[in-house]
C-alpha cells in the first residue's frame, strides 16, 4: 500500500486480550520520505467523541463539509493530536481519504501543541 502524509486510513488497533482489535480511523503524519522507505507509519487517531474539539491539540472535522467528505469520514470526528501511534503496515488497512493542505496546517499546529514544540 502506498502511504502518504495526510492520508486517512482505517487501522486495526490491538487489544490486550489478544482479540482482533478495534478498527479506528487515523491520519498519517509521518513525512513522505519515511513513508516511502519504512514499513510502519506515525499516525494520529480520529475519534467521534467530540468532547475535546476545543482542545488546542485537537481540531474538528465535520463529515458534511467538503473537508470531511475528502477525508472519507462518515461522522463528525476530532483529530486528537495527543493520540499518536506508530503502526506497522499490516495494521493499516485501506486509505479512505486525504486531508487538504489547509487541514494539514492544523495538524501541524496540533502536533506542536501536543508535543510542547512552540
Protein backbone atom coordinates (compact mmCIF):
# COMPACT_ATOMS: atom_id res chain seq x y z
CA UNK A 1 0.00 0.00 0.00
CA UNK A 2 1.25 3.49 -0.83
CA UNK A 3 1.00 5.64 2.28
CA UNK A 4 1.23 9.43 2.15
CA UNK A 5 1.20 12.16 4.76
CA UNK A 6 -2.39 13.33 5.19
CA UNK A 7 -3.99 10.03 4.19
CA UNK A 8 -6.95 8.99 6.31
CA UNK A 9 -6.74 5.23 6.81
CA UNK A 10 -8.75 2.56 8.59
CA UNK A 11 -6.40 0.92 11.08
CA UNK A 12 -6.70 -2.08 13.38
CA UNK A 13 -5.66 -1.33 16.98
CA UNK A 14 -4.79 -4.41 19.05
CA UNK A 15 -6.49 -5.24 22.32
CA UNK A 16 -4.58 -6.50 25.32
CA UNK A 17 -6.90 -9.51 25.41
CA UNK A 18 -5.31 -10.70 22.15
CA UNK A 19 -8.59 -10.31 20.30
CA UNK A 20 -8.67 -8.94 16.79
CA UNK A 21 -8.80 -5.35 18.00
CA UNK A 22 -10.83 -2.31 17.13
CA UNK A 23 -10.94 -0.53 13.79
CA UNK A 24 -10.22 3.19 14.03
CA UNK A 25 -9.56 5.92 11.53
CA UNK A 26 -6.12 7.52 11.64
CA UNK A 27 -4.28 10.30 9.84
CA UNK A 28 -0.73 9.67 8.62
CA UNK A 29 1.51 12.44 10.00
CA UNK A 30 4.90 10.96 9.13
CA UNK A 31 6.92 12.64 6.35
CA UNK A 32 6.63 11.04 2.91
CA UNK A 33 10.36 10.37 2.72
CA UNK A 34 9.92 7.91 5.61
CA UNK A 35 6.61 6.58 4.31
CA UNK A 36 8.43 5.52 1.14
CA UNK A 37 11.15 3.51 2.88
CA UNK A 38 9.78 2.27 6.20
CA UNK A 39 7.25 -0.49 6.84
CA UNK A 40 5.47 1.47 9.55
CA UNK A 41 3.98 4.94 9.93
CA UNK A 42 3.39 7.54 12.62
CA UNK A 43 -0.35 8.17 12.80
CA UNK A 44 -2.84 10.15 14.89
CA UNK A 45 -6.28 8.84 15.78
CA UNK A 46 -9.58 10.37 14.78
CA UNK A 47 -12.38 9.97 17.30
CA UNK A 48 -16.12 10.54 17.14
CA UNK A 49 -16.02 11.59 20.80
CA UNK A 50 -16.25 15.36 20.31
CA UNK A 51 -15.54 16.33 23.95
CA UNK A 52 -12.03 17.63 23.15
CA UNK A 53 -12.90 19.50 19.94
CA UNK A 54 -11.80 22.80 21.54
CA UNK A 55 -8.55 21.44 22.96
CA UNK A 56 -5.56 23.21 21.32
CA UNK A 57 -4.07 19.81 20.38
CA UNK A 58 -7.26 18.86 18.51
CA UNK A 59 -9.50 20.06 15.70
CA UNK A 60 -12.95 19.15 14.47
CA UNK A 61 -13.57 17.54 11.08
CA UNK A 62 -17.24 17.76 10.13
CA UNK A 63 -18.46 14.91 7.94
CA UNK A 64 -20.92 17.08 5.99
CA UNK A 65 -18.31 19.59 4.82
CA UNK A 66 -16.11 19.30 1.70
CA UNK A 67 -13.14 18.71 4.04
CA UNK A 68 -14.91 15.86 5.82
CA UNK A 69 -16.02 14.31 2.54
CA UNK A 70 -12.46 14.48 1.15
CA UNK A 71 -11.26 12.80 4.35
CA UNK A 72 -13.74 9.98 3.80
CA UNK A 73 -15.28 10.25 7.26
CA UNK A 74 -18.93 9.33 7.83
CA UNK A 75 -19.33 11.05 11.22
CA UNK A 76 -18.05 14.29 12.71
CA UNK A 77 -14.64 13.46 14.16
CA UNK A 78 -11.87 15.06 16.18
CA UNK A 79 -8.22 14.88 15.16
CA UNK A 80 -6.63 14.13 18.56
CA UNK A 81 -3.04 15.33 18.35
CA UNK A 82 -2.17 13.68 21.66
CA UNK A 83 -3.21 10.18 20.43
CA UNK A 84 -0.06 9.42 18.43
CA UNK A 85 0.83 5.84 17.46
CA UNK A 86 3.48 4.02 15.46
CA UNK A 87 1.76 1.36 13.37
CA UNK A 88 3.12 -1.36 11.12
CA UNK A 89 1.79 -1.54 7.56
CA UNK A 90 -0.11 -4.73 8.29
CA UNK A 91 -2.34 -2.81 10.75
CA UNK A 92 -3.11 -0.08 8.19
CA UNK A 93 -5.98 -1.43 6.13
CA UNK A 94 -7.28 0.95 3.48
CA UNK A 95 -6.98 4.60 2.53
CA UNK A 96 -10.42 6.23 2.75
CA UNK A 97 -9.48 9.85 2.08
CA UNK A 98 -6.92 12.61 2.37
CA UNK A 99 -6.74 15.85 4.32
CA UNK A 100 -6.25 19.12 2.45
CA UNK A 101 -3.13 21.25 2.74
CA UNK A 102 -5.15 23.66 4.91
CA UNK A 103 -6.15 20.85 7.27
CA UNK A 104 -2.55 19.65 7.40
CA UNK A 105 -1.53 23.09 8.69
CA UNK A 106 -3.99 22.48 11.55
CA UNK A 107 -2.47 19.01 12.04
CA UNK A 108 1.00 20.55 12.36
CA UNK A 109 -0.23 23.13 14.90
CA UNK A 110 -1.99 20.41 16.94
CA UNK A 111 1.11 18.22 16.98
CA UNK A 112 3.34 21.13 18.07
CA UNK A 113 0.93 21.83 20.94
CA UNK A 114 0.68 18.19 21.97
CA UNK A 115 4.45 17.75 21.96
CA UNK A 116 5.29 21.11 23.53
CA UNK A 117 7.10 22.42 20.45
CA UNK A 118 6.04 26.06 20.49
